[in-house]
N, C-alpha and C. Protein backbone atom coordinates (compact mmCIF):
# COMPACT_ATOMS: atom_id res chain seq x y z
N MET A 1 97.56 84.65 88.00
CA MET A 1 98.84 84.65 88.70
C MET A 1 98.77 83.39 89.65
N ARG A 2 99.82 82.77 89.75
CA ARG A 2 100.00 81.48 90.47
C ARG A 2 101.13 81.75 91.53
N ILE A 3 100.83 81.45 92.74
CA ILE A 3 101.87 81.63 93.82
C ILE A 3 101.86 80.32 94.58
N ARG A 4 103.01 79.66 94.90
CA ARG A 4 103.05 78.38 95.60
C ARG A 4 104.10 78.56 96.64
N ARG A 5 103.78 78.01 97.83
CA ARG A 5 104.66 78.06 98.95
C ARG A 5 104.66 76.69 99.62
N ALA A 6 105.84 76.09 99.83
CA ALA A 6 105.92 74.90 100.64
C ALA A 6 105.62 75.17 102.11
N HIS A 7 105.10 74.05 102.75
CA HIS A 7 104.87 74.23 104.20
C HIS A 7 105.25 72.92 104.92
N GLN A 8 105.33 73.04 106.23
CA GLN A 8 105.74 71.88 107.01
C GLN A 8 104.63 71.57 108.04
N PHE A 9 103.36 71.88 107.72
CA PHE A 9 102.30 71.68 108.66
C PHE A 9 101.44 70.50 108.42
N GLU A 10 100.77 70.00 109.30
CA GLU A 10 99.63 69.04 109.13
C GLU A 10 98.57 69.78 108.32
N LEU A 11 97.74 69.01 107.60
CA LEU A 11 96.78 69.71 106.74
C LEU A 11 95.87 70.70 107.57
N ASP A 12 95.38 70.17 108.65
CA ASP A 12 94.49 71.02 109.50
C ASP A 12 95.19 72.37 109.87
N ASP A 13 96.43 72.34 110.28
CA ASP A 13 97.16 73.53 110.67
C ASP A 13 97.38 74.35 109.46
N ALA A 14 97.72 73.90 108.29
CA ALA A 14 97.82 74.69 107.16
C ALA A 14 96.51 75.26 106.70
N ARG A 15 95.41 74.62 106.87
CA ARG A 15 94.16 75.06 106.54
C ARG A 15 93.84 76.30 107.44
N GLU A 16 94.16 76.19 108.74
CA GLU A 16 93.80 77.29 109.67
C GLU A 16 94.72 78.54 109.27
N ARG A 17 95.93 78.33 108.84
CA ARG A 17 96.83 79.45 108.47
C ARG A 17 96.27 80.05 107.14
N VAL A 18 95.77 79.21 106.20
CA VAL A 18 95.18 79.78 104.99
C VAL A 18 93.91 80.55 105.33
N ASP A 19 93.15 80.07 106.30
CA ASP A 19 92.00 80.76 106.76
C ASP A 19 92.27 82.13 107.25
N LEU A 20 93.34 82.37 108.04
CA LEU A 20 93.77 83.55 108.54
C LEU A 20 94.28 84.47 107.42
N MET A 21 95.00 83.85 106.51
CA MET A 21 95.47 84.69 105.34
C MET A 21 94.20 85.10 104.57
N ALA A 22 93.25 84.35 104.30
CA ALA A 22 92.10 84.65 103.49
C ALA A 22 91.43 85.81 104.22
N LYS A 23 91.23 85.73 105.52
CA LYS A 23 90.38 86.91 106.19
C LYS A 23 91.13 88.24 106.13
N SER A 24 92.55 88.16 106.10
CA SER A 24 93.30 89.37 105.92
C SER A 24 93.08 89.91 104.45
N LEU A 25 93.14 89.02 103.45
CA LEU A 25 93.02 89.40 102.08
C LEU A 25 91.57 89.80 101.79
N GLU A 26 90.58 89.12 102.45
CA GLU A 26 89.18 89.51 102.20
C GLU A 26 88.91 91.04 102.51
N GLN A 27 89.52 91.39 103.70
CA GLN A 27 89.34 92.76 104.16
C GLN A 27 90.02 93.68 103.25
N ARG A 28 91.22 93.39 102.84
CA ARG A 28 92.10 94.26 102.05
C ARG A 28 91.43 94.46 100.64
N PHE A 29 90.92 93.37 100.00
CA PHE A 29 90.53 93.42 98.72
C PHE A 29 89.07 93.16 98.49
N SER A 30 88.26 93.30 99.44
CA SER A 30 86.77 93.05 99.46
C SER A 30 86.42 91.75 98.73
N LEU A 31 86.91 90.72 99.25
CA LEU A 31 86.65 89.40 98.67
C LEU A 31 85.55 88.54 99.61
N ARG A 32 85.06 87.62 99.04
CA ARG A 32 84.22 86.58 99.70
C ARG A 32 84.80 85.30 99.46
N SER A 33 84.83 84.38 100.41
CA SER A 33 85.45 83.08 100.25
C SER A 33 84.70 81.97 100.99
N HIS A 34 84.88 80.71 100.42
CA HIS A 34 84.28 79.51 101.22
C HIS A 34 85.10 78.31 100.79
N TRP A 35 85.03 77.40 101.70
CA TRP A 35 85.76 76.13 101.54
C TRP A 35 85.05 75.13 100.77
N GLN A 36 85.68 74.38 99.85
CA GLN A 36 85.29 73.28 99.17
C GLN A 36 86.33 72.20 99.44
N GLY A 37 86.13 71.37 100.47
CA GLY A 37 87.16 70.44 100.92
C GLY A 37 88.48 71.09 101.31
N ASP A 38 89.56 70.82 100.73
CA ASP A 38 90.95 71.51 101.03
C ASP A 38 91.21 72.57 100.05
N ARG A 39 90.12 73.10 99.49
CA ARG A 39 90.32 74.22 98.46
C ARG A 39 89.42 75.38 98.90
N LEU A 40 90.04 76.47 99.03
CA LEU A 40 89.34 77.75 99.38
C LEU A 40 89.08 78.52 98.16
N VAL A 41 87.84 78.82 97.89
CA VAL A 41 87.40 79.47 96.63
C VAL A 41 87.09 80.89 97.04
N PHE A 42 87.57 81.92 96.28
CA PHE A 42 87.21 83.24 96.60
C PHE A 42 86.90 84.11 95.36
N ASP A 43 86.15 85.18 95.53
CA ASP A 43 85.77 86.02 94.46
C ASP A 43 85.50 87.42 95.00
N GLY A 44 85.61 88.40 94.23
CA GLY A 44 85.27 89.77 94.70
C GLY A 44 85.24 90.67 93.53
N HIS A 45 85.36 91.96 93.78
CA HIS A 45 85.38 93.04 92.84
C HIS A 45 86.69 92.90 91.86
N GLY A 46 86.50 92.21 90.66
CA GLY A 46 87.52 92.18 89.75
C GLY A 46 88.66 91.05 90.05
N ALA A 47 88.41 90.23 90.99
CA ALA A 47 89.36 89.10 91.22
C ALA A 47 88.64 87.88 91.65
N ARG A 48 89.14 86.72 91.34
CA ARG A 48 88.55 85.46 91.72
C ARG A 48 89.76 84.44 91.64
N GLY A 49 89.48 83.32 92.36
CA GLY A 49 90.49 82.24 92.32
C GLY A 49 90.33 81.26 93.42
N ASP A 50 91.36 80.59 93.78
CA ASP A 50 91.33 79.65 94.77
C ASP A 50 92.66 79.34 95.46
N VAL A 51 92.58 78.69 96.56
CA VAL A 51 93.91 78.30 97.28
C VAL A 51 93.79 76.85 97.60
N VAL A 52 94.69 76.04 97.04
CA VAL A 52 94.64 74.62 97.17
C VAL A 52 95.71 74.23 98.12
N ILE A 53 95.43 73.27 99.12
CA ILE A 53 96.25 72.87 100.11
C ILE A 53 96.56 71.37 99.86
N ASP A 54 97.73 71.03 99.93
CA ASP A 54 98.07 69.53 99.99
C ASP A 54 99.16 69.35 101.11
N GLU A 55 99.76 68.16 101.24
CA GLU A 55 100.60 67.85 102.25
C GLU A 55 101.87 68.57 102.28
N GLU A 56 102.18 69.14 101.10
CA GLU A 56 103.44 69.74 100.94
C GLU A 56 103.50 71.27 100.65
N ALA A 57 102.43 71.68 100.14
CA ALA A 57 102.37 73.15 99.67
C ALA A 57 101.04 73.74 99.69
N VAL A 58 101.03 75.09 99.68
CA VAL A 58 99.88 75.83 99.45
C VAL A 58 100.03 76.59 98.06
N GLU A 59 98.97 76.44 97.12
CA GLU A 59 99.07 77.09 95.90
C GLU A 59 97.97 78.10 95.72
N LEU A 60 98.15 79.24 95.48
CA LEU A 60 97.03 80.27 95.34
C LEU A 60 97.03 80.57 93.95
N ASN A 61 95.90 80.56 93.25
CA ASN A 61 95.65 80.89 91.90
C ASN A 61 94.70 82.14 91.82
N VAL A 62 95.15 83.22 91.26
CA VAL A 62 94.22 84.40 91.27
C VAL A 62 94.10 84.83 89.69
N ARG A 63 92.87 85.16 89.31
CA ARG A 63 92.59 85.76 88.05
C ARG A 63 92.07 87.24 88.32
N LEU A 64 92.69 88.10 87.77
CA LEU A 64 92.39 89.41 87.84
C LEU A 64 91.52 89.94 86.69
N GLY A 65 90.58 90.84 86.96
CA GLY A 65 89.72 91.40 85.87
C GLY A 65 90.55 92.42 85.24
N PHE A 66 90.10 92.94 84.01
CA PHE A 66 90.78 93.97 83.31
C PHE A 66 91.17 95.26 84.14
N ALA A 67 90.26 95.65 84.91
CA ALA A 67 90.49 96.88 85.75
C ALA A 67 91.55 96.66 86.73
N LEU A 68 91.79 95.45 87.22
CA LEU A 68 92.94 95.34 88.17
C LEU A 68 94.26 94.79 87.59
N LYS A 69 94.21 94.52 86.32
CA LYS A 69 95.53 94.04 85.65
C LYS A 69 96.67 94.93 85.83
N PHE A 70 96.51 96.21 85.81
CA PHE A 70 97.53 97.22 86.00
C PHE A 70 98.21 97.25 87.46
N MET A 71 97.28 96.76 88.34
CA MET A 71 97.80 96.65 89.78
C MET A 71 98.40 95.35 90.16
N GLU A 72 98.52 94.44 89.06
CA GLU A 72 99.04 93.09 89.42
C GLU A 72 100.31 93.02 90.36
N PRO A 73 101.30 93.85 90.01
CA PRO A 73 102.60 93.79 90.81
C PRO A 73 102.28 94.16 92.29
N ALA A 74 101.44 95.12 92.66
CA ALA A 74 101.17 95.55 93.97
C ALA A 74 100.29 94.46 94.62
N ILE A 75 99.34 93.83 93.83
CA ILE A 75 98.50 92.83 94.47
C ILE A 75 99.32 91.52 94.73
N ARG A 76 100.16 91.20 93.76
CA ARG A 76 101.11 89.94 94.03
C ARG A 76 101.86 90.17 95.20
N SER A 77 102.51 91.38 95.37
CA SER A 77 103.28 91.75 96.56
C SER A 77 102.51 91.52 97.81
N ALA A 78 101.34 92.13 97.90
CA ALA A 78 100.46 92.04 99.15
C ALA A 78 100.11 90.48 99.40
N ILE A 79 99.85 89.82 98.33
CA ILE A 79 99.44 88.42 98.62
C ILE A 79 100.72 87.58 99.08
N GLU A 80 101.76 87.68 98.40
CA GLU A 80 103.03 87.06 98.80
C GLU A 80 103.36 87.36 100.19
N GLU A 81 103.29 88.57 100.54
CA GLU A 81 103.68 88.93 101.98
C GLU A 81 102.73 88.28 103.00
N THR A 82 101.48 88.33 102.73
CA THR A 82 100.52 87.73 103.60
C THR A 82 100.69 86.18 103.63
N LEU A 83 100.91 85.63 102.60
CA LEU A 83 101.13 84.12 102.47
C LEU A 83 102.48 83.79 103.13
N ASP A 84 103.47 84.45 102.91
CA ASP A 84 104.71 84.18 103.65
C ASP A 84 104.58 84.27 105.23
N GLU A 85 103.83 85.41 105.61
CA GLU A 85 103.54 85.45 107.10
C GLU A 85 102.84 84.23 107.69
N GLN A 86 101.92 83.68 106.89
CA GLN A 86 101.16 82.58 107.47
C GLN A 86 101.66 81.27 107.26
N ILE A 87 102.36 81.14 106.03
CA ILE A 87 102.72 79.62 105.58
C ILE A 87 104.31 79.53 105.62
N ALA A 88 104.89 80.28 104.84
CA ALA A 88 106.36 79.99 104.61
C ALA A 88 107.23 80.28 105.79
N ALA A 89 106.86 81.36 106.50
CA ALA A 89 107.64 81.73 107.70
C ALA A 89 107.22 80.89 108.98
N GLY A 90 106.11 80.31 108.95
CA GLY A 90 105.57 79.49 110.13
C GLY A 90 106.33 78.34 110.47
């Protein structure tokens, strides 16, 4: 699944907001994450992906394992809500 949101922040501010989002999602979905430049890479039980930040947008790419595929709508909704709270609504 791919979710993209435009932002109006400096890269450092966008990165801080993505970091807050990641902490929330890490707790919710038992994920681990680390930064590779302006890309946050995460993985956990049945999910992995990354968040890429540029000057205009934040793009989240998530690959769900077989066991989580049936929960994709709920997972997408939770991710979009958290992303909107940190990026789009900021």
